[in-house]
Amino acid sequence: MPAPANAKGMNLIRDAETEQNLKTLIYPILDAAGVERAAFRLFIVQDDSLNAFVAGGQNIFIHTGLLLRSENYAQLMGVIAHEAGHIAGGHLVRRQQDLSTIKEQSLVLQLLAGAALALGRGDAGMAILGAGAQVFQRSALAYTRVQERSADQAGLSYLQQLNVTPQGLLDFFKILQGEQRLQLDGQPNPYLQSHPLSAERVEAAAAFLRAHPQLGPSPANPQFANAHTRIRAKLGGFLWDPKKLALHYPSADQSFAARYARAINEFRFGSPALAITELDRLIAENPTDPFLYEMRGQARLESPELSKSGRNAYLADYRRALQLAPQQALIRLGLAQALLAEPDAKATAEAIPLLAEVLRLEPAYGQGWRMEAIARGRSGELGKSALALAELALLQGDKPRAKEQAKRALASLGNDAAARQRAEDIQNQLTADEKK
């Protein structure tokens, strides 16, 4: 995983496996809330604090602190159900109407623009981008106590529909109460800043649990439990130092999650060769798991002592991962990046259609456009390379550079009607913006 960007705001993580497992937990809640999956976007924030929030419509931001500190899927789904209650209750629309200053509105745009870019790696290395949003979280996302109670009741009803115990939400409230009393380091919990917690809300959740004893005191859904376990193992392996990881996954623990977390951590902080040895064993036991191949491919690719002699091996890993999960745009991008690490024209030619599909699936993913520009440049298609750079600059909000690259593209695209049309559209859009 690359080092976090040096920014005062959020560091956003992209990882195909973590996103898929989170969606396993989130999609059923959205369905219960009547929220369209297609309108939803997930953003993972690298931050140790317990926090999650919704912004700019149906964009859910979840901190790694919440993911790693949640003890079971019911706790995490309880928080997500509460946030879905805000969406279904129209609370975000009311907050947008209440934004009283241009500064606050610009923070909304800054947050979402930064999140849309998420420049960096698209593979299991987890891409990170800084996007300023602290003031936004403190002001624009502050809900009223009435809205909080309403979101609680809606969230509890969603959990009931899914047969998920509300004990998880109640446990989360109790954790927040503890933090509220301690105020660690003198800094209030960001979730409490935007989601005021009262004794009344805690008691309401407890009363709901008492009224629905059939939901049980503990989680009991194997699919949800597996998704949550793998989220924690993947993030812990990447983000915790070896000492901290050993506290959560001691060597005596031979579960899949513990072995996977230790293998990732070994790759990050220890011996990539030992990491690959353990991944070999895990793959032998789980031969159809795409994310194990992706992780092994990354370990081979990013370890200099291994990559020199393991070119065919890491490309084979990425190809196998994509074969097993063809719908995963980030795995596809990982294979394209691995191919572009090779100097030969044949690898570049193979990367180009992969990138085209990545950009079809995720047109606002900046790293896809960056890789597209590199691939097209290497293949001698300078017009399409410039067009990709124009798209990237447009996403970054760099209008002068976008206009310059669109002009360069038009000078080199020849008779490619579709590409010329897109370059002209960018130019016309920017010209119209200048006249406003």
Protein backbone atom coordinates (compact mmCIF):
# COMPACT_ATOMS: atom_id res chain seq x y z
CA MET A 1 0.00 0.00 0.00
CA PRO A 2 1.50 3.39 -0.96
CA ALA A 3 2.17 5.92 1.78
CA PRO A 4 -0.76 8.24 2.50
CA ALA A 5 -0.83 11.51 0.63
CA ASN A 6 0.41 14.47 2.67
CA ALA A 7 -2.91 16.24 3.08
CA LYS A 8 -4.94 17.64 5.94
CA GLY A 9 -8.08 15.82 4.93
CA MET A 10 -8.94 12.19 4.27
CA ASN A 11 -6.84 9.37 2.90
CA LEU A 12 -9.04 7.18 0.74
CA ILE A 13 -8.38 3.48 0.18
CA ARG A 14 -9.29 1.44 -2.88
CA ASP A 15 -9.19 -2.34 -2.61
CA ALA A 16 -11.35 -4.75 -4.61
CA GLU A 17 -11.62 -7.39 -1.91
CA THR A 18 -12.48 -5.01 0.92
CA GLU A 19 -15.03 -3.17 -1.20
CA GLN A 20 -16.73 -6.39 -2.27
CA ASN A 21 -16.98 -7.67 1.29
CA LEU A 22 -18.33 -4.35 2.51
CA LYS A 23 -20.96 -4.40 -0.21
CA THR A 24 -21.97 -7.87 0.99
CA LEU A 25 -22.95 -6.16 4.24
CA ILE A 26 -24.22 -2.89 2.80
CA TYR A 27 -26.36 -3.96 -0.17
CA PRO A 28 -28.96 -5.88 1.88
CA ILE A 29 -29.39 -2.80 4.08
CA LEU A 30 -29.84 -0.54 1.05
CA ASP A 31 -32.44 -2.96 -0.32
CA ALA A 32 -34.32 -2.92 2.99
CA ALA A 33 -34.19 0.89 3.00
CA GLY A 34 -35.46 1.14 -0.58
CA VAL A 35 -32.22 2.79 -1.73
CA GLU A 36 -31.05 2.01 -5.26
CA ARG A 37 -27.75 0.16 -5.34
CA ALA A 38 -26.76 1.86 -8.58
CA ALA A 39 -26.94 5.29 -6.93
CA PHE A 40 -24.71 4.26 -4.02
CA ARG A 41 -20.95 4.83 -3.79
CA LEU A 42 -18.63 3.48 -1.10
CA PHE A 43 -15.50 5.22 0.15
CA ILE A 44 -13.09 3.74 2.70
CA VAL A 45 -11.22 6.33 4.75
CA GLN A 46 -7.89 5.45 6.33
CA ASP A 47 -8.45 6.91 9.78
CA ASP A 48 -8.22 5.24 13.18
CA SER A 49 -11.30 6.95 14.61
CA LEU A 50 -14.71 5.32 14.94
CA ASN A 51 -16.65 7.08 12.24
CA ALA A 52 -18.96 6.68 9.25
CA PHE A 53 -21.03 9.26 7.43
CA VAL A 54 -23.05 9.92 4.32
CA ALA A 55 -22.42 12.93 2.06
CA GLY A 56 -23.53 14.41 -1.23
CA GLY A 57 -26.45 12.09 -1.78
CA GLN A 58 -25.83 8.37 -1.32
CA ASN A 59 -22.07 8.33 -0.79
CA ILE A 60 -21.13 6.34 2.32
CA PHE A 61 -17.73 7.00 3.92
CA ILE A 62 -16.47 4.44 6.46
CA HIS A 63 -13.31 4.86 8.53
CA THR A 64 -10.88 1.98 8.88
CA GLY A 65 -11.03 2.59 12.64
CA LEU A 66 -14.65 1.49 12.62
CA LEU A 67 -13.94 -1.49 10.38
CA LEU A 68 -11.02 -2.73 12.46
CA ARG A 69 -12.53 -2.08 15.88
CA SER A 70 -15.94 -3.57 15.13
CA GLU A 71 -16.03 -6.94 16.89
CA ASN A 72 -18.60 -8.56 14.62
CA TYR A 73 -20.69 -7.84 11.56
CA ALA A 74 -23.73 -6.82 13.63
CA GLN A 75 -21.87 -3.83 15.05
CA LEU A 76 -20.77 -2.66 11.61
CA MET A 77 -24.15 -3.30 9.99
CA GLY A 78 -25.85 -1.46 12.85
CA VAL A 79 -23.87 1.69 12.03
CA ILE A 80 -24.49 1.30 8.30
CA ALA A 81 -28.22 0.76 8.89
CA HIS A 82 -28.32 3.99 10.87
CA GLU A 83 -26.64 5.87 7.99
CA ALA A 84 -29.11 4.30 5.55
CA GLY A 85 -31.85 5.67 7.81
CA HIS A 86 -30.51 9.16 7.20
CA ILE A 87 -30.60 8.59 3.43
CA ALA A 88 -34.11 7.14 3.42
CA GLY A 89 -35.33 9.90 5.76
CA GLY A 90 -34.16 12.64 3.42
CA HIS A 91 -31.97 14.13 6.14
CA LEU A 92 -29.11 14.82 3.74
CA VAL A 93 -31.38 16.82 1.46
CA ARG A 94 -32.39 19.00 4.39
CA ARG A 95 -28.77 19.47 5.41
CA GLN A 96 -27.85 20.53 1.89
CA GLN A 97 -30.63 23.11 2.03
CA ASP A 98 -29.23 24.34 5.32
CA LEU A 99 -25.70 24.90 3.99
CA SER A 100 -25.56 28.64 4.39
CA THR A 101 -22.18 29.62 2.98
CA ILE A 102 -20.34 29.15 -0.28
CA LYS A 103 -17.39 27.84 1.73
CA GLU A 104 -19.44 24.98 3.14
CA GLN A 105 -20.85 24.13 -0.30
CA SER A 106 -17.37 24.13 -1.80
CA LEU A 107 -16.26 21.68 0.90
CA VAL A 108 -18.98 19.30 -0.27
CA LEU A 109 -17.67 19.53 -3.82
CA GLN A 110 -14.06 19.18 -2.67
CA LEU A 111 -14.87 16.06 -0.71
CA LEU A 112 -16.68 14.32 -3.56
CA ALA A 113 -14.21 15.43 -6.23
CA GLY A 114 -11.32 14.07 -4.19
CA ALA A 115 -13.17 10.85 -3.53
CA ALA A 116 -14.01 10.39 -7.21
CA LEU A 117 -10.35 10.67 -8.17
CA ALA A 118 -8.78 8.36 -5.59
CA LEU A 119 -5.53 8.44 -7.56
CA GLY A 120 -3.13 5.60 -6.86
CA ARG A 121 -3.02 1.85 -7.16
CA GLY A 122 -6.09 -0.08 -8.18
CA ASP A 123 -4.93 -3.46 -6.93
CA ALA A 124 -4.72 -4.99 -3.46
CA GLY A 125 -2.12 -2.33 -2.62
CA MET A 126 -4.99 0.03 -1.78
CA ALA A 127 -4.94 3.41 -3.50
CA ILE A 128 -4.80 6.51 -1.33
CA LEU A 129 -5.55 10.18 -2.00
CA GLY A 130 -5.84 13.13 0.36
CA ALA A 131 -9.06 15.14 0.17
CA GLY A 132 -9.74 17.91 2.67
CA ALA A 133 -12.98 17.34 4.55
CA GLN A 134 -12.56 17.80 8.30
CA VAL A 135 -14.52 21.06 8.49
CA PHE A 136 -17.14 19.56 6.23
CA GLN A 137 -17.67 16.62 8.57
CA ARG A 138 -18.00 18.87 11.60
CA SER A 139 -20.51 21.27 10.07
CA ALA A 140 -22.36 20.02 7.02
CA LEU A 141 -22.98 16.56 8.45
CA ALA A 142 -24.26 17.50 11.89
CA TYR A 143 -27.71 15.98 12.42
CA THR A 144 -30.38 17.04 14.88
CA ARG A 145 -31.39 14.79 17.77
CA VAL A 146 -34.76 14.26 16.10
CA GLN A 147 -33.05 13.09 12.91
CA GLU A 148 -30.79 10.80 14.93
CA ARG A 149 -33.75 9.15 16.66
CA SER A 150 -35.50 8.78 13.32
CA ALA A 151 -32.42 7.20 11.70
CA ASP A 152 -32.08 4.85 14.69
CA GLN A 153 -35.64 3.60 14.34
CA ALA A 154 -35.30 3.17 10.58
CA GLY A 155 -31.97 1.37 10.97
CA LEU A 156 -33.36 -0.97 13.59
CA SER A 157 -36.23 -1.88 11.28
CA TYR A 158 -33.77 -2.67 8.47
CA LEU A 159 -31.78 -4.93 10.80
CA GLN A 160 -34.99 -6.68 11.81
CA GLN A 161 -35.86 -7.34 8.15
CA LEU A 162 -32.41 -8.92 7.68
CA ASN A 163 -32.60 -10.92 10.92
CA VAL A 164 -29.50 -9.10 12.20
CA THR A 165 -29.41 -8.57 15.94
CA PRO A 166 -29.68 -4.92 17.07
CA GLN A 167 -27.23 -5.82 19.83
CA GLY A 168 -24.49 -4.67 17.46
CA LEU A 169 -25.87 -1.13 17.25
CA LEU A 170 -26.42 -1.09 21.00
CA ASP A 171 -22.82 -2.23 21.59
CA PHE A 172 -21.57 0.53 19.28
CA PHE A 173 -23.55 3.11 21.25
CA LYS A 174 -21.93 1.87 24.45
CA ILE A 175 -18.46 2.14 22.91
CA LEU A 176 -19.26 5.72 21.89
CA GLN A 177 -20.49 6.49 25.40
CA GLY A 178 -17.14 5.30 26.74
CA GLU A 179 -15.25 7.51 24.31
CA GLN A 180 -17.54 10.42 25.11
CA ARG A 181 -16.63 10.13 28.79
CA LEU A 182 -12.92 9.74 28.18
CA GLN A 183 -12.50 12.15 25.23
CA LEU A 184 -9.17 10.58 24.40
CA ASP A 185 -6.36 13.11 23.83
CA GLY A 186 -8.87 15.85 24.44
CA GLN A 187 -10.37 15.28 21.00
CA PRO A 188 -14.07 14.39 20.77
CA ASN A 189 -14.99 11.44 18.58
CA PRO A 190 -15.85 12.72 15.06
CA TYR A 191 -18.90 10.45 14.92
CA LEU A 192 -20.25 12.05 18.09
CA GLN A 193 -19.66 15.50 16.63
CA SER A 194 -21.97 14.81 13.70
CA HIS A 195 -24.24 12.21 15.37
CA PRO A 196 -25.24 13.45 18.85
CA LEU A 197 -25.70 10.51 21.21
CA SER A 198 -28.17 10.61 24.08
CA ALA A 199 -29.18 8.20 26.83
CA GLU A 200 -32.63 8.18 25.22
CA ARG A 201 -31.21 6.75 21.98
CA VAL A 202 -29.31 4.05 23.84
CA GLU A 203 -32.39 3.05 25.80
CA ALA A 204 -34.52 3.00 22.63
CA ALA A 205 -32.10 0.51 21.03
CA ALA A 206 -32.12 -1.61 24.20
CA ALA A 207 -35.94 -1.55 24.26
CA PHE A 208 -36.06 -2.66 20.62
CA LEU A 209 -33.81 -5.61 21.45
CA ARG A 210 -36.01 -6.58 24.40
CA ALA A 211 -39.10 -6.36 22.19
CA HIS A 212 -37.58 -8.63 19.54
CA PRO A 213 -35.87 -11.48 21.40
CA GLN A 214 -36.13 -13.67 18.30
CA LEU A 215 -33.26 -11.67 16.78
CA GLY A 216 -30.95 -13.11 19.41
CA PRO A 217 -28.09 -11.55 21.38
CA SER A 218 -25.32 -12.45 18.92
CA PRO A 219 -24.71 -12.58 15.14
CA ALA A 220 -25.55 -15.80 13.32
CA ASN A 221 -25.21 -15.22 9.55
CA PRO A 222 -22.17 -17.11 8.12
CA GLN A 223 -21.99 -15.02 4.92
CA PHE A 224 -22.00 -11.73 6.80
CA ALA A 225 -19.55 -13.10 9.37
CA ASN A 226 -17.10 -14.23 6.68
CA ALA A 227 -17.26 -10.84 4.92
CA HIS A 228 -16.56 -8.97 8.15
CA THR A 229 -13.74 -11.34 9.13
CA ARG A 230 -11.98 -10.85 5.80
CA ILE A 231 -12.37 -7.07 5.92
CA ARG A 232 -10.58 -6.97 9.27
CA ALA A 233 -7.90 -9.45 8.20
CA LYS A 234 -7.08 -7.55 4.99
CA LEU A 235 -7.00 -4.10 6.57
CA GLY A 236 -5.20 -5.30 9.68
CA GLY A 237 -2.54 -7.02 7.59
CA PHE A 238 -1.86 -3.83 5.66
CA LEU A 239 -2.33 -1.18 8.34
CA TRP A 240 -1.13 -2.69 11.63
CA ASP A 241 2.52 -3.02 12.52
CA PRO A 242 3.72 -6.56 13.32
CA LYS A 243 3.43 -6.14 17.11
CA LYS A 244 -0.14 -4.93 16.92
CA LEU A 245 -1.06 -7.60 14.41
CA ALA A 246 0.34 -10.30 16.70
CA LEU A 247 -2.01 -9.16 19.46
CA HIS A 248 -5.02 -9.69 17.22
CA TYR A 249 -3.73 -12.69 15.26
CA PRO A 250 -1.26 -14.64 17.46
CA SER A 251 0.74 -17.44 15.86
CA ALA A 252 -1.37 -20.05 17.65
CA ASP A 253 -4.41 -18.88 15.66
CA GLN A 254 -4.47 -20.99 12.51
CA SER A 255 -7.77 -19.73 11.13
CA PHE A 256 -7.92 -18.52 7.52
CA ALA A 257 -8.24 -14.90 8.62
CA ALA A 258 -5.22 -15.07 10.93
CA ARG A 259 -3.00 -16.75 8.35
CA TYR A 260 -4.12 -14.31 5.65
CA ALA A 261 -3.52 -11.28 7.86
CA ARG A 262 -0.06 -12.55 8.85
CA ALA A 263 0.86 -13.24 5.19
CA ILE A 264 -0.12 -9.70 4.16
CA ASN A 265 1.73 -8.25 7.14
CA GLU A 266 4.82 -10.30 6.30
CA PHE A 267 4.73 -8.87 2.78
CA ARG A 268 4.33 -5.33 4.13
CA PHE A 269 6.86 -5.41 6.94
CA GLY A 270 8.86 -8.64 6.83
CA SER A 271 9.79 -11.18 4.19
CA PRO A 272 7.84 -11.24 0.91
CA ALA A 273 9.17 -14.75 0.30
CA LEU A 274 7.57 -15.98 3.55
CA ALA A 275 4.38 -14.16 2.63
CA ILE A 276 4.23 -15.95 -0.71
CA THR A 277 4.87 -19.30 0.94
CA GLU A 278 1.82 -18.80 3.16
CA LEU A 279 -0.25 -17.49 0.24
CA ASP A 280 0.73 -20.62 -1.70
CA ARG A 281 -0.76 -22.73 1.10
CA LEU A 282 -3.92 -20.64 1.28
CA ILE A 283 -4.41 -20.86 -2.49
CA ALA A 284 -3.94 -24.64 -2.40
CA GLU A 285 -6.77 -24.78 0.14
CA ASN A 286 -8.93 -22.17 -1.66
CA PRO A 287 -8.11 -22.53 -5.39
CA THR A 288 -11.05 -20.42 -6.62
CA ASP A 289 -10.47 -17.37 -4.41
CA PRO A 290 -9.55 -14.48 -6.77
CA PHE A 291 -8.25 -12.19 -4.04
CA LEU A 292 -5.61 -14.65 -2.90
CA TYR A 293 -4.18 -14.72 -6.43
CA GLU A 294 -4.36 -10.93 -6.61
CA MET A 295 -2.52 -10.61 -3.30
CA ARG A 296 0.18 -13.08 -4.36
CA GLY A 297 0.55 -11.30 -7.69
CA GLN A 298 1.08 -8.00 -5.91
CA ALA A 299 3.61 -9.52 -3.53
CA ARG A 300 5.58 -10.96 -6.44
CA LEU A 301 5.36 -7.79 -8.51
CA GLU A 302 6.36 -5.36 -5.77
CA SER A 303 9.21 -7.40 -4.30
CA PRO A 304 12.38 -6.63 -6.32
CA GLU A 305 14.16 -9.83 -5.32
CA LEU A 306 11.18 -11.85 -6.56
CA SER A 307 9.93 -9.85 -9.53
CA LYS A 308 13.13 -10.25 -11.53
CA SER A 309 12.68 -13.98 -11.79
CA GLY A 310 8.92 -14.13 -11.29
CA ARG A 311 7.52 -12.13 -14.22
CA ASN A 312 5.46 -14.96 -15.63
CA ALA A 313 4.34 -15.90 -12.11
CA TYR A 314 2.88 -12.53 -11.13
CA LEU A 315 1.22 -12.03 -14.50
CA ALA A 316 -0.29 -15.51 -14.18
CA ASP A 317 -1.60 -14.61 -10.72
CA TYR A 318 -3.30 -11.44 -11.96
CA ARG A 319 -4.74 -13.24 -14.98
CA ARG A 320 -6.12 -16.00 -12.77
CA ALA A 321 -7.61 -13.46 -10.37
CA LEU A 322 -9.36 -11.69 -13.23
CA GLN A 323 -10.58 -14.99 -14.68
CA LEU A 324 -12.20 -15.78 -11.33
CA ALA A 325 -13.60 -12.26 -10.82
CA PRO A 326 -14.10 -10.68 -14.27
CA GLN A 327 -16.45 -8.03 -12.87
CA GLN A 328 -13.74 -6.52 -10.63
CA ALA A 329 -12.46 -3.35 -12.29
CA LEU A 330 -9.66 -2.95 -9.76
CA ILE A 331 -8.27 -6.42 -10.44
CA ARG A 332 -8.41 -5.64 -14.15
CA LEU A 333 -6.48 -2.44 -13.48
CA GLY A 334 -3.97 -4.41 -11.41
CA LEU A 335 -3.28 -6.72 -14.34
CA ALA A 336 -2.92 -3.73 -16.67
CA GLN A 337 -0.43 -2.12 -14.29
CA ALA A 338 1.54 -5.34 -14.07
CA LEU A 339 1.66 -5.52 -17.86
CA LEU A 340 2.80 -1.91 -18.11
CA ALA A 341 5.66 -2.78 -15.75
CA GLU A 342 7.02 -4.86 -18.65
CA PRO A 343 9.09 -3.18 -21.39
CA ASP A 344 7.76 -5.09 -24.42
CA ALA A 345 5.13 -3.87 -26.86
CA LYS A 346 3.11 -7.09 -26.59
CA ALA A 347 2.41 -6.45 -22.88
CA THR A 348 1.35 -2.89 -23.65
CA ALA A 349 -1.01 -4.09 -26.37
CA GLU A 350 -2.62 -6.51 -23.90
CA ALA A 351 -3.04 -3.73 -21.32
CA ILE A 352 -4.97 -1.36 -23.63
CA PRO A 353 -8.29 -3.28 -23.87
CA LEU A 354 -8.09 -4.02 -20.14
CA LEU A 355 -7.89 -0.30 -19.43
CA ALA A 356 -10.78 0.42 -21.80
CA GLU A 357 -12.99 -1.87 -19.73
CA VAL A 358 -11.75 -0.35 -16.46
CA LEU A 359 -12.71 3.12 -17.68
CA ARG A 360 -16.08 1.88 -18.87
CA LEU A 361 -16.79 0.50 -15.40
CA GLU A 362 -15.21 3.39 -13.48
CA PRO A 363 -14.95 6.48 -15.70
CA ALA A 364 -14.13 8.73 -12.74
CA TYR A 365 -11.17 6.66 -11.57
CA GLY A 366 -8.12 8.82 -12.16
CA GLN A 367 -5.56 6.03 -12.04
CA GLY A 368 -7.29 4.36 -14.98
CA TRP A 369 -6.80 7.50 -17.10
CA ARG A 370 -3.19 7.79 -15.96
CA MET A 371 -2.47 4.20 -17.04
CA GLU A 372 -4.39 4.77 -20.29
CA ALA A 373 -2.15 7.75 -21.10
CA ILE A 374 0.98 5.66 -20.48
CA ALA A 375 -0.24 2.72 -22.54
CA ARG A 376 -1.33 4.84 -25.49
CA GLY A 377 1.92 6.81 -25.40
CA ARG A 378 4.00 3.63 -25.49
CA SER A 379 1.99 2.30 -28.41
CA GLY A 380 2.62 5.51 -30.38
CA GLU A 381 -0.99 6.74 -30.13
CA LEU A 382 -0.05 10.24 -28.98
CA GLY A 383 -3.49 11.69 -29.65
CA LYS A 384 -5.24 9.18 -27.41
CA SER A 385 -2.53 9.59 -24.80
CA ALA A 386 -3.17 13.35 -24.73
CA LEU A 387 -6.93 12.73 -24.59
CA ALA A 388 -6.46 10.48 -21.53
CA LEU A 389 -4.39 13.22 -19.87
CA ALA A 390 -7.16 15.70 -20.66
CA GLU A 391 -9.69 13.42 -18.94
CA LEU A 392 -7.37 13.10 -15.95
CA ALA A 393 -6.85 16.87 -15.71
CA LEU A 394 -10.61 17.39 -15.97
CA LEU A 395 -11.16 15.06 -13.01
CA GLN A 396 -8.49 16.89 -11.05
CA GLY A 397 -10.14 20.23 -11.73
CA ASP A 398 -7.09 21.47 -13.67
CA LYS A 399 -9.01 23.17 -16.47
CA PRO A 400 -6.07 24.89 -18.22
CA ARG A 401 -4.20 21.59 -18.48
CA ALA A 402 -7.33 19.76 -19.63
CA LYS A 403 -7.83 22.32 -22.39
CA GLU A 404 -4.18 22.13 -23.42
CA GLN A 405 -4.23 18.33 -23.61
CA ALA A 406 -7.52 18.31 -25.53
CA LYS A 407 -5.95 20.67 -28.07
CA ARG A 408 -2.90 18.38 -28.36
CA ALA A 409 -5.19 15.40 -28.81
CA LEU A 410 -7.09 17.03 -31.68
CA ALA A 411 -3.81 17.77 -33.43
CA SER A 412 -2.86 14.08 -33.42
CA LEU A 413 -6.07 12.03 -33.51
CA GLY A 414 -6.47 11.95 -37.26
CA ASN A 415 -9.75 10.38 -38.43
CA ASP A 416 -10.75 8.76 -35.10
CA ALA A 417 -14.24 10.25 -35.00
CA ALA A 418 -15.21 9.11 -31.49
CA ALA A 419 -11.98 10.30 -29.89
CA ARG A 420 -12.08 13.61 -31.76
CA GLN A 421 -15.67 14.16 -30.63
CA ARG A 422 -14.69 13.62 -26.99
CA ALA A 423 -11.72 16.01 -27.27
CA GLU A 424 -13.99 18.63 -28.84
CA ASP A 425 -16.58 18.10 -26.09
CA ILE A 426 -13.92 18.78 -23.46
CA GLN A 427 -12.79 21.92 -25.25
CA ASN A 428 -16.36 23.19 -25.68
CA GLN A 429 -17.22 22.48 -22.07
CA LEU A 430 -14.19 24.36 -20.80
CA THR A 431 -14.78 27.28 -23.16
CA ALA A 432 -18.37 27.56 -21.97
CA ASP A 433 -17.16 27.49 -18.35
CA GLU A 434 -14.77 30.35 -19.08
CA LYS A 435 -17.60 32.51 -20.41
CA LYS A 436 -19.72 32.10 -17.28
